[in-house]
């Protein structure tokens, strides 16, 4: 899953796509890390919650190529909650396929959401040059990595191979 935010900050020292602003808070593509964390958690909560309205069925090959996008304005909408972050768009890649993988590994939706969305994510330091940010859930169950659009597309192409094995 990936999030695109529409915000601006000033005086950012860049290292790849991450940097530090005036408050010394890390940024990613000029977005403060705390806003990115909160946006990721809101987006995941929305995407996984939205899956409950979709029927349980076998995964089809076309499910691996679906990309759903939702706009989450800070004032909220008839589909999304209000929040304290700048407006953003959240993309969910292959939601039905990932639901299948979570079920395969006996990860219940409520447990998944609780782990990812109940407590603030913990940012891990990243010595790599890509500028990707890594987050771990407070219970150490899941790791989240931010990726560039090209990397997301590449990973999405690999996904059906995991299903076919």
N, C-alpha and C. Protein backbone atom coordinates (compact mmCIF):
# COMPACT_ATOMS: atom_id res chain seq x y z
N UNK A 1 0.84 -1.17 0.00
CA UNK A 1 0.00 0.00 0.00
C UNK A 1 0.88 1.23 0.00
N UNK A 2 0.35 2.27 -0.64
CA UNK A 2 1.15 3.47 -0.74
C UNK A 2 0.28 4.69 -0.52
N UNK A 3 0.88 5.72 -0.03
CA UNK A 3 0.14 6.95 0.25
C UNK A 3 0.82 8.10 -0.46
N UNK A 4 0.03 8.96 -1.05
CA UNK A 4 0.54 10.18 -1.65
C UNK A 4 -0.09 11.33 -0.90
N UNK A 5 0.73 12.19 -0.32
CA UNK A 5 0.17 13.32 0.41
C UNK A 5 0.44 14.60 -0.34
N UNK A 6 -0.39 15.59 -0.10
CA UNK A 6 -0.26 16.87 -0.76
C UNK A 6 0.05 17.93 0.29
N UNK A 7 1.32 18.05 0.68
CA UNK A 7 1.71 19.03 1.68
C UNK A 7 3.01 19.69 1.26
N UNK A 8 3.35 20.77 1.93
CA UNK A 8 4.60 21.47 1.67
C UNK A 8 5.25 21.81 3.00
N UNK A 9 6.58 21.66 3.06
CA UNK A 9 7.34 22.14 4.21
C UNK A 9 8.51 22.94 3.66
N UNK A 10 9.19 23.67 4.53
CA UNK A 10 10.31 24.49 4.07
C UNK A 10 11.59 24.05 4.76
N UNK A 11 12.70 24.50 4.23
CA UNK A 11 14.04 24.24 4.79
C UNK A 11 14.25 22.76 5.07
N UNK A 12 14.16 21.97 4.04
CA UNK A 12 14.32 20.53 4.18
C UNK A 12 15.70 20.13 3.66
N UNK A 13 16.46 19.44 4.50
CA UNK A 13 17.75 18.89 4.10
C UNK A 13 17.48 17.50 3.56
N UNK A 14 17.78 17.25 2.29
CA UNK A 14 17.41 16.00 1.65
C UNK A 14 18.50 14.94 1.76
N UNK A 15 18.06 13.70 1.90
CA UNK A 15 18.89 12.51 1.79
C UNK A 15 18.05 11.53 0.99
N UNK A 16 18.25 11.47 -0.31
CA UNK A 16 17.34 10.70 -1.14
C UNK A 16 16.01 11.42 -1.13
N UNK A 17 14.96 10.76 -0.70
CA UNK A 17 13.65 11.40 -0.61
C UNK A 17 13.30 11.77 0.82
N UNK A 18 14.15 11.43 1.77
CA UNK A 18 13.85 11.81 3.14
C UNK A 18 14.79 12.93 3.55
N UNK A 19 14.40 13.67 4.57
CA UNK A 19 15.22 14.77 5.04
C UNK A 19 14.77 15.19 6.41
N UNK A 20 15.21 16.36 6.83
CA UNK A 20 14.80 16.89 8.12
C UNK A 20 14.38 18.33 7.92
N UNK A 21 13.26 18.72 8.49
CA UNK A 21 12.78 20.09 8.41
C UNK A 21 13.28 20.91 9.57
N UNK A 22 12.74 22.12 9.73
CA UNK A 22 13.16 23.02 10.80
C UNK A 22 12.96 22.40 12.18
N UNK A 23 11.92 21.58 12.35
CA UNK A 23 11.64 20.99 13.65
C UNK A 23 12.49 19.74 13.89
N UNK A 24 13.37 19.43 12.96
CA UNK A 24 14.23 18.24 13.01
C UNK A 24 13.43 16.96 12.84
N UNK A 25 12.16 17.07 12.49
CA UNK A 25 11.37 15.89 12.20
C UNK A 25 11.73 15.41 10.80
N UNK A 26 11.85 14.11 10.63
CA UNK A 26 12.15 13.56 9.32
C UNK A 26 11.00 13.82 8.38
N UNK A 27 11.32 13.96 7.12
CA UNK A 27 10.30 14.16 6.10
C UNK A 27 10.50 13.14 5.00
N UNK A 28 9.46 12.92 4.25
CA UNK A 28 9.50 12.05 3.08
C UNK A 28 8.79 12.79 1.97
N UNK A 29 9.52 13.13 0.92
CA UNK A 29 8.96 13.93 -0.17
C UNK A 29 8.29 15.18 0.39
N UNK A 30 8.95 15.84 1.31
CA UNK A 30 8.50 17.09 1.93
C UNK A 30 7.30 16.92 2.86
N UNK A 31 6.96 15.70 3.21
CA UNK A 31 5.85 15.45 4.14
C UNK A 31 6.44 15.02 5.49
N UNK A 32 6.06 15.68 6.59
CA UNK A 32 6.57 15.26 7.91
C UNK A 32 6.24 13.80 8.19
N UNK A 33 7.18 13.10 8.79
CA UNK A 33 7.01 11.68 9.06
C UNK A 33 5.77 11.39 9.90
N UNK A 34 5.46 12.25 10.86
CA UNK A 34 4.28 12.01 11.70
C UNK A 34 3.00 12.06 10.87
N UNK A 35 2.93 12.98 9.90
CA UNK A 35 1.75 13.06 9.03
C UNK A 35 1.69 11.84 8.12
N UNK A 36 2.84 11.39 7.65
CA UNK A 36 2.87 10.19 6.80
C UNK A 36 2.42 8.96 7.59
N UNK A 37 2.92 8.82 8.81
CA UNK A 37 2.51 7.69 9.67
C UNK A 37 1.00 7.68 9.88
N UNK A 38 0.47 8.81 10.27
CA UNK A 38 -0.97 8.90 10.51
C UNK A 38 -1.78 8.65 9.25
N UNK A 39 -1.30 9.15 8.12
CA UNK A 39 -1.98 8.94 6.85
C UNK A 39 -1.97 7.47 6.47
N UNK A 40 -0.85 6.81 6.66
CA UNK A 40 -0.75 5.38 6.37
C UNK A 40 -1.75 4.62 7.24
N UNK A 41 -1.79 4.93 8.52
CA UNK A 41 -2.70 4.22 9.42
C UNK A 41 -4.17 4.47 9.04
N UNK A 42 -4.51 5.71 8.71
CA UNK A 42 -5.89 6.01 8.29
C UNK A 42 -6.22 5.28 6.99
N UNK A 43 -5.29 5.29 6.04
CA UNK A 43 -5.51 4.63 4.77
C UNK A 43 -5.69 3.13 4.91
N UNK A 44 -4.84 2.51 5.72
CA UNK A 44 -4.97 1.07 5.95
C UNK A 44 -6.30 0.76 6.64
N UNK A 45 -6.65 1.56 7.64
CA UNK A 45 -7.92 1.35 8.32
C UNK A 45 -9.09 1.45 7.37
N UNK A 46 -9.05 2.43 6.48
CA UNK A 46 -10.12 2.59 5.50
C UNK A 46 -10.14 1.40 4.54
N UNK A 47 -8.97 1.04 3.99
CA UNK A 47 -8.89 -0.02 2.97
C UNK A 47 -9.33 -1.38 3.52
N UNK A 48 -8.85 -1.74 4.70
CA UNK A 48 -9.21 -3.04 5.28
C UNK A 48 -10.68 -3.03 5.70
N UNK A 49 -11.14 -1.94 6.26
CA UNK A 49 -12.55 -1.83 6.63
C UNK A 49 -13.46 -1.91 5.41
N UNK A 50 -13.03 -1.32 4.31
CA UNK A 50 -13.80 -1.33 3.07
C UNK A 50 -13.92 -2.75 2.51
N UNK A 51 -12.96 -3.61 2.80
CA UNK A 51 -12.99 -4.99 2.30
C UNK A 51 -14.13 -5.80 2.90
N UNK A 52 -14.62 -5.41 4.06
CA UNK A 52 -15.69 -6.17 4.69
C UNK A 52 -16.98 -6.12 3.86
N UNK A 53 -17.11 -5.10 3.03
CA UNK A 53 -18.29 -5.00 2.18
C UNK A 53 -18.15 -5.81 0.89
N UNK A 54 -16.97 -6.35 0.64
CA UNK A 54 -16.75 -7.14 -0.57
C UNK A 54 -16.91 -8.61 -0.26
N UNK A 55 -17.61 -9.34 -1.15
CA UNK A 55 -17.87 -10.76 -0.86
C UNK A 55 -16.60 -11.59 -0.80
N UNK A 56 -16.64 -12.60 0.06
CA UNK A 56 -15.55 -13.55 0.16
C UNK A 56 -15.64 -14.47 -1.04
N UNK A 57 -14.60 -14.55 -1.85
CA UNK A 57 -14.60 -15.40 -3.03
C UNK A 57 -13.16 -15.79 -3.34
N UNK A 58 -13.01 -16.69 -4.29
CA UNK A 58 -11.68 -17.06 -4.72
C UNK A 58 -11.00 -15.87 -5.39
N UNK A 59 -9.69 -15.82 -5.26
CA UNK A 59 -8.92 -14.75 -5.89
C UNK A 59 -8.81 -15.05 -7.38
N UNK A 60 -9.05 -14.05 -8.20
CA UNK A 60 -8.91 -14.16 -9.65
C UNK A 60 -7.62 -13.47 -10.08
N UNK A 61 -7.09 -13.87 -11.22
CA UNK A 61 -5.83 -13.28 -11.68
C UNK A 61 -5.93 -11.76 -11.79
N UNK A 62 -7.06 -11.23 -12.23
CA UNK A 62 -7.18 -9.78 -12.37
C UNK A 62 -7.15 -9.06 -11.02
N UNK A 63 -7.43 -9.77 -9.93
CA UNK A 63 -7.38 -9.15 -8.60
C UNK A 63 -5.98 -8.65 -8.24
N UNK A 64 -4.96 -9.25 -8.83
CA UNK A 64 -3.59 -8.85 -8.52
C UNK A 64 -3.21 -7.52 -9.16
N UNK A 65 -3.99 -7.06 -10.12
CA UNK A 65 -3.66 -5.85 -10.86
C UNK A 65 -4.57 -4.68 -10.51
N UNK A 66 -5.43 -4.87 -9.53
CA UNK A 66 -6.34 -3.81 -9.09
C UNK A 66 -5.57 -2.81 -8.23
N UNK A 67 -5.80 -1.53 -8.49
CA UNK A 67 -5.28 -0.46 -7.64
C UNK A 67 -6.48 0.42 -7.30
N UNK A 68 -6.83 0.46 -6.02
CA UNK A 68 -7.93 1.31 -5.57
C UNK A 68 -7.35 2.58 -4.98
N UNK A 69 -8.01 3.68 -5.22
CA UNK A 69 -7.54 4.97 -4.74
C UNK A 69 -8.69 5.69 -4.06
N UNK A 70 -8.40 6.29 -2.92
CA UNK A 70 -9.42 7.06 -2.20
C UNK A 70 -8.79 8.37 -1.74
N UNK A 71 -9.55 9.45 -1.84
CA UNK A 71 -9.11 10.76 -1.38
C UNK A 71 -9.63 10.96 0.03
N UNK A 72 -8.74 11.30 0.95
CA UNK A 72 -9.13 11.52 2.36
C UNK A 72 -8.88 12.99 2.71
N UNK A 73 -9.89 13.84 2.52
CA UNK A 73 -9.73 15.24 2.90
C UNK A 73 -9.72 15.39 4.42
N UNK A 74 -9.00 16.37 4.91
CA UNK A 74 -8.89 16.53 6.37
C UNK A 74 -10.24 16.77 7.03
N UNK A 75 -11.19 17.39 6.32
CA UNK A 75 -12.51 17.63 6.91
C UNK A 75 -13.41 16.40 6.84
N UNK A 76 -12.94 15.32 6.20
CA UNK A 76 -13.72 14.10 6.08
C UNK A 76 -14.69 14.18 4.91
N UNK A 77 -15.33 13.07 4.62
CA UNK A 77 -16.31 13.01 3.54
C UNK A 77 -17.37 11.99 3.92
N UNK A 78 -18.29 11.71 3.02
CA UNK A 78 -19.32 10.72 3.33
C UNK A 78 -18.73 9.31 3.40
N UNK A 79 -17.51 9.11 2.88
CA UNK A 79 -16.84 7.81 2.93
C UNK A 79 -15.69 7.74 3.93
N UNK A 80 -15.11 8.89 4.25
CA UNK A 80 -13.88 8.89 5.05
C UNK A 80 -14.01 9.75 6.30
N UNK A 81 -13.24 9.41 7.34
CA UNK A 81 -13.31 10.20 8.58
C UNK A 81 -12.52 11.51 8.48
N UNK A 82 -12.88 12.47 9.30
CA UNK A 82 -12.08 13.69 9.43
C UNK A 82 -10.79 13.33 10.15
N UNK A 83 -9.72 14.07 9.87
CA UNK A 83 -8.43 13.80 10.51
C UNK A 83 -7.62 15.09 10.59
N UNK A 84 -6.51 15.04 11.31
CA UNK A 84 -5.70 16.25 11.56
C UNK A 84 -4.54 16.40 10.58
N UNK A 85 -4.47 15.56 9.58
CA UNK A 85 -3.37 15.60 8.61
C UNK A 85 -3.79 16.36 7.37
N UNK A 86 -2.83 16.79 6.57
CA UNK A 86 -3.20 17.42 5.29
C UNK A 86 -3.98 16.43 4.42
N UNK A 87 -4.79 16.94 3.51
CA UNK A 87 -5.52 16.09 2.57
C UNK A 87 -4.55 15.14 1.89
N UNK A 88 -4.98 13.91 1.64
CA UNK A 88 -4.10 12.97 0.93
C UNK A 88 -4.91 11.94 0.17
N UNK A 89 -4.24 11.30 -0.77
CA UNK A 89 -4.82 10.21 -1.56
C UNK A 89 -4.10 8.94 -1.14
N UNK A 90 -4.87 7.88 -0.89
CA UNK A 90 -4.30 6.59 -0.47
C UNK A 90 -4.60 5.54 -1.52
N UNK A 91 -3.56 4.86 -1.98
CA UNK A 91 -3.72 3.80 -2.97
C UNK A 91 -3.54 2.45 -2.30
N UNK A 92 -4.44 1.54 -2.62
CA UNK A 92 -4.37 0.17 -2.12
C UNK A 92 -4.14 -0.74 -3.31
N UNK A 93 -3.05 -1.47 -3.28
CA UNK A 93 -2.71 -2.38 -4.36
C UNK A 93 -3.23 -3.78 -4.04
N UNK A 94 -3.96 -4.37 -4.99
CA UNK A 94 -4.45 -5.75 -4.91
C UNK A 94 -5.12 -6.07 -3.57
N UNK A 95 -6.13 -5.30 -3.18
CA UNK A 95 -6.72 -5.50 -1.85
C UNK A 95 -7.29 -6.90 -1.63
N UNK A 96 -7.97 -7.48 -2.62
CA UNK A 96 -8.53 -8.82 -2.43
C UNK A 96 -7.43 -9.88 -2.34
N UNK A 97 -6.37 -9.69 -3.11
CA UNK A 97 -5.25 -10.64 -3.04
C UNK A 97 -4.59 -10.58 -1.66
N UNK A 98 -4.39 -9.38 -1.15
CA UNK A 98 -3.77 -9.28 0.17
C UNK A 98 -4.70 -9.78 1.27
N UNK A 99 -6.00 -9.60 1.10
CA UNK A 99 -6.94 -10.20 2.05
C UNK A 99 -6.77 -11.71 2.05
N UNK A 100 -6.64 -12.31 0.85
CA UNK A 100 -6.42 -13.75 0.73
C UNK A 100 -5.14 -14.16 1.46
N UNK A 101 -4.04 -13.42 1.27
CA UNK A 101 -2.78 -13.77 1.93
C UNK A 101 -2.90 -13.65 3.45
N UNK A 102 -3.60 -12.62 3.92
CA UNK A 102 -3.78 -12.50 5.37
C UNK A 102 -4.58 -13.69 5.91
N UNK A 103 -5.62 -14.09 5.20
CA UNK A 103 -6.42 -15.25 5.62
C UNK A 103 -5.57 -16.53 5.60
N UNK A 104 -4.74 -16.66 4.56
CA UNK A 104 -3.87 -17.83 4.43
C UNK A 104 -2.95 -17.98 5.64
N UNK A 105 -2.49 -16.84 6.17
CA UNK A 105 -1.59 -16.86 7.33
C UNK A 105 -2.35 -16.65 8.64
N UNK A 106 -3.67 -16.79 8.60
CA UNK A 106 -4.54 -16.70 9.77
C UNK A 106 -4.39 -15.36 10.51
N UNK A 107 -4.30 -14.30 9.72
CA UNK A 107 -4.26 -12.95 10.30
C UNK A 107 -5.68 -12.39 10.20
N UNK A 108 -6.32 -12.27 11.33
CA UNK A 108 -7.70 -11.79 11.37
C UNK A 108 -7.73 -10.27 11.16
N UNK A 109 -8.74 -9.78 10.42
CA UNK A 109 -8.81 -8.35 10.14
C UNK A 109 -8.76 -7.47 11.39
N UNK A 110 -9.47 -7.85 12.44
CA UNK A 110 -9.46 -7.04 13.67
C UNK A 110 -8.07 -6.99 14.30
N UNK A 111 -7.39 -8.13 14.33
CA UNK A 111 -6.03 -8.17 14.89
C UNK A 111 -5.07 -7.34 14.05
N UNK A 112 -5.21 -7.45 12.73
CA UNK A 112 -4.37 -6.71 11.80
C UNK A 112 -4.55 -5.20 12.01
N UNK A 113 -5.80 -4.76 12.04
CA UNK A 113 -6.08 -3.34 12.23
C UNK A 113 -5.62 -2.85 13.60
N UNK A 114 -5.84 -3.66 14.62
CA UNK A 114 -5.40 -3.27 15.96
C UNK A 114 -3.88 -3.08 15.99
N UNK A 115 -3.16 -4.03 15.40
CA UNK A 115 -1.71 -3.96 15.38
C UNK A 115 -1.21 -2.74 14.61
N UNK A 116 -1.81 -2.47 13.46
CA UNK A 116 -1.33 -1.39 12.60
C UNK A 116 -1.85 -0.01 12.98
N UNK A 117 -3.03 0.06 13.55
CA UNK A 117 -3.68 1.37 13.69
C UNK A 117 -3.94 1.83 15.12
N UNK A 118 -3.75 0.96 16.11
CA UNK A 118 -4.10 1.33 17.48
C UNK A 118 -3.06 2.23 18.15
N UNK A 119 -1.80 2.00 17.87
CA UNK A 119 -0.71 2.77 18.48
C UNK A 119 0.10 3.44 17.37
N UNK A 120 0.82 4.52 17.70
CA UNK A 120 1.69 5.13 16.69
C UNK A 120 2.73 4.12 16.19
N UNK A 121 3.05 4.24 14.91
CA UNK A 121 4.10 3.40 14.34
C UNK A 121 5.45 3.88 14.83
N UNK A 122 6.41 2.98 14.87
CA UNK A 122 7.77 3.32 15.30
C UNK A 122 8.64 3.39 14.05
N UNK A 123 9.26 4.54 13.83
CA UNK A 123 10.10 4.71 12.64
C UNK A 123 11.46 4.07 12.89
N UNK A 124 11.90 3.27 11.93
CA UNK A 124 13.21 2.65 12.01
C UNK A 124 14.19 3.51 11.22
N UNK A 125 15.44 3.55 11.66
CA UNK A 125 16.43 4.30 10.90
C UNK A 125 16.74 3.53 9.62
N UNK A 126 17.04 4.25 8.56
CA UNK A 126 17.29 3.63 7.27
C UNK A 126 18.64 4.10 6.74
N UNK A 127 19.63 3.24 6.74
CA UNK A 127 20.93 3.65 6.23
C UNK A 127 21.01 3.62 4.70
N UNK A 128 19.98 3.13 4.01
CA UNK A 128 20.02 3.00 2.56
C UNK A 128 19.92 4.33 1.85
N UNK A 129 20.33 4.36 0.60
CA UNK A 129 20.33 5.58 -0.20
C UNK A 129 18.98 5.86 -0.85
N UNK A 130 18.07 4.90 -0.84
CA UNK A 130 16.79 5.07 -1.54
C UNK A 130 15.91 6.13 -0.89
N UNK A 131 16.12 6.37 0.38
CA UNK A 131 15.28 7.33 1.09
C UNK A 131 13.97 6.74 1.58
N UNK A 132 13.75 5.45 1.39
CA UNK A 132 12.53 4.81 1.88
C UNK A 132 12.49 4.89 3.39
N UNK A 133 11.27 5.00 3.90
CA UNK A 133 11.08 4.98 5.35
C UNK A 133 10.55 3.61 5.75
N UNK A 134 10.96 3.16 6.93
CA UNK A 134 10.49 1.90 7.48
C UNK A 134 9.82 2.18 8.81
N UNK A 135 8.69 1.53 9.01
CA UNK A 135 7.97 1.64 10.27
C UNK A 135 7.70 0.23 10.78
N UNK A 136 7.68 0.09 12.09
CA UNK A 136 7.29 -1.18 12.71
C UNK A 136 6.13 -0.87 13.65
N UNK A 137 5.23 -1.83 13.76
CA UNK A 137 4.11 -1.65 14.68
C UNK A 137 4.63 -1.78 16.11
N UNK A 138 3.92 -1.18 17.05
CA UNK A 138 4.39 -1.18 18.44
C UNK A 138 4.46 -2.58 19.04
N UNK A 139 3.71 -3.54 18.47
CA UNK A 139 3.78 -4.92 18.95
C UNK A 139 4.79 -5.77 18.17
N UNK A 140 5.56 -5.14 17.27
CA UNK A 140 6.59 -5.80 16.46
C UNK A 140 6.04 -6.87 15.52
N UNK A 141 4.77 -6.79 15.16
CA UNK A 141 4.17 -7.80 14.28
C UNK A 141 4.37 -7.49 12.80
N UNK A 142 4.38 -6.22 12.44
CA UNK A 142 4.42 -5.84 11.02
C UNK A 142 5.42 -4.72 10.78
N UNK A 143 6.00 -4.74 9.57
CA UNK A 143 6.89 -3.68 9.12
C UNK A 143 6.27 -3.06 7.87
N UNK A 144 6.33 -1.75 7.78
CA UNK A 144 5.84 -1.01 6.63
C UNK A 144 7.02 -0.30 6.00
N UNK A 145 7.11 -0.37 4.67
CA UNK A 145 8.17 0.34 3.94
C UNK A 145 7.51 1.24 2.91
N UNK A 146 7.92 2.48 2.84
CA UNK A 146 7.45 3.35 1.77
C UNK A 146 8.24 3.00 0.51
N UNK A 147 7.58 3.06 -0.64
CA UNK A 147 8.25 2.74 -1.91
C UNK A 147 7.87 3.77 -2.96
N UNK A 148 8.74 3.91 -3.93
CA UNK A 148 8.46 4.75 -5.09
C UNK A 148 7.42 4.05 -5.96
N UNK A 149 6.75 4.82 -6.82
CA UNK A 149 5.71 4.28 -7.68
C UNK A 149 6.22 3.12 -8.54
N UNK A 150 7.40 3.26 -9.12
CA UNK A 150 7.97 2.21 -9.98
C UNK A 150 8.19 0.92 -9.19
N UNK A 151 8.65 1.05 -7.96
CA UNK A 151 8.87 -0.14 -7.12
C UNK A 151 7.54 -0.80 -6.77
N UNK A 152 6.52 0.00 -6.51
CA UNK A 152 5.19 -0.56 -6.22
C UNK A 152 4.67 -1.34 -7.42
N UNK A 153 4.83 -0.79 -8.62
CA UNK A 153 4.40 -1.49 -9.83
C UNK A 153 5.15 -2.81 -10.01
N UNK A 154 6.46 -2.78 -9.76
CA UNK A 154 7.28 -3.99 -9.89
C UNK A 154 6.82 -5.06 -8.89
N UNK A 155 6.62 -4.67 -7.65
CA UNK A 155 6.18 -5.62 -6.63
C UNK A 155 4.80 -6.18 -6.96
N UNK A 156 3.94 -5.35 -7.53
CA UNK A 156 2.61 -5.82 -7.91
C UNK A 156 2.70 -6.87 -9.02
N UNK A 157 3.66 -6.73 -9.91
CA UNK A 157 3.84 -7.73 -10.98
C UNK A 157 4.33 -9.07 -10.42
N UNK A 158 5.08 -9.02 -9.32
CA UNK A 158 5.59 -10.26 -8.70
C UNK A 158 4.51 -11.00 -7.91
N UNK A 159 3.51 -10.29 -7.46
CA UNK A 159 2.51 -10.82 -6.54
C UNK A 159 1.81 -12.10 -7.02
N UNK A 160 1.37 -12.20 -8.28
CA UNK A 160 0.69 -13.44 -8.71
C UNK A 160 1.56 -14.68 -8.55
N UNK A 161 2.87 -14.53 -8.65
CA UNK A 161 3.77 -15.67 -8.49
C UNK A 161 3.69 -16.27 -7.10
N UNK A 162 3.40 -15.48 -6.09
CA UNK A 162 3.25 -16.00 -4.74
C UNK A 162 1.97 -16.79 -4.59
N UNK A 163 0.97 -16.41 -5.34
CA UNK A 163 -0.32 -17.10 -5.30
C UNK A 163 -0.24 -18.43 -6.05
N UNK A 164 0.51 -18.46 -7.13
CA UNK A 164 0.57 -19.64 -7.98
C UNK A 164 1.39 -20.77 -7.36
N UNK A 165 2.23 -20.48 -6.38
CA UNK A 165 3.11 -21.51 -5.78
C UNK A 165 2.36 -22.43 -4.88
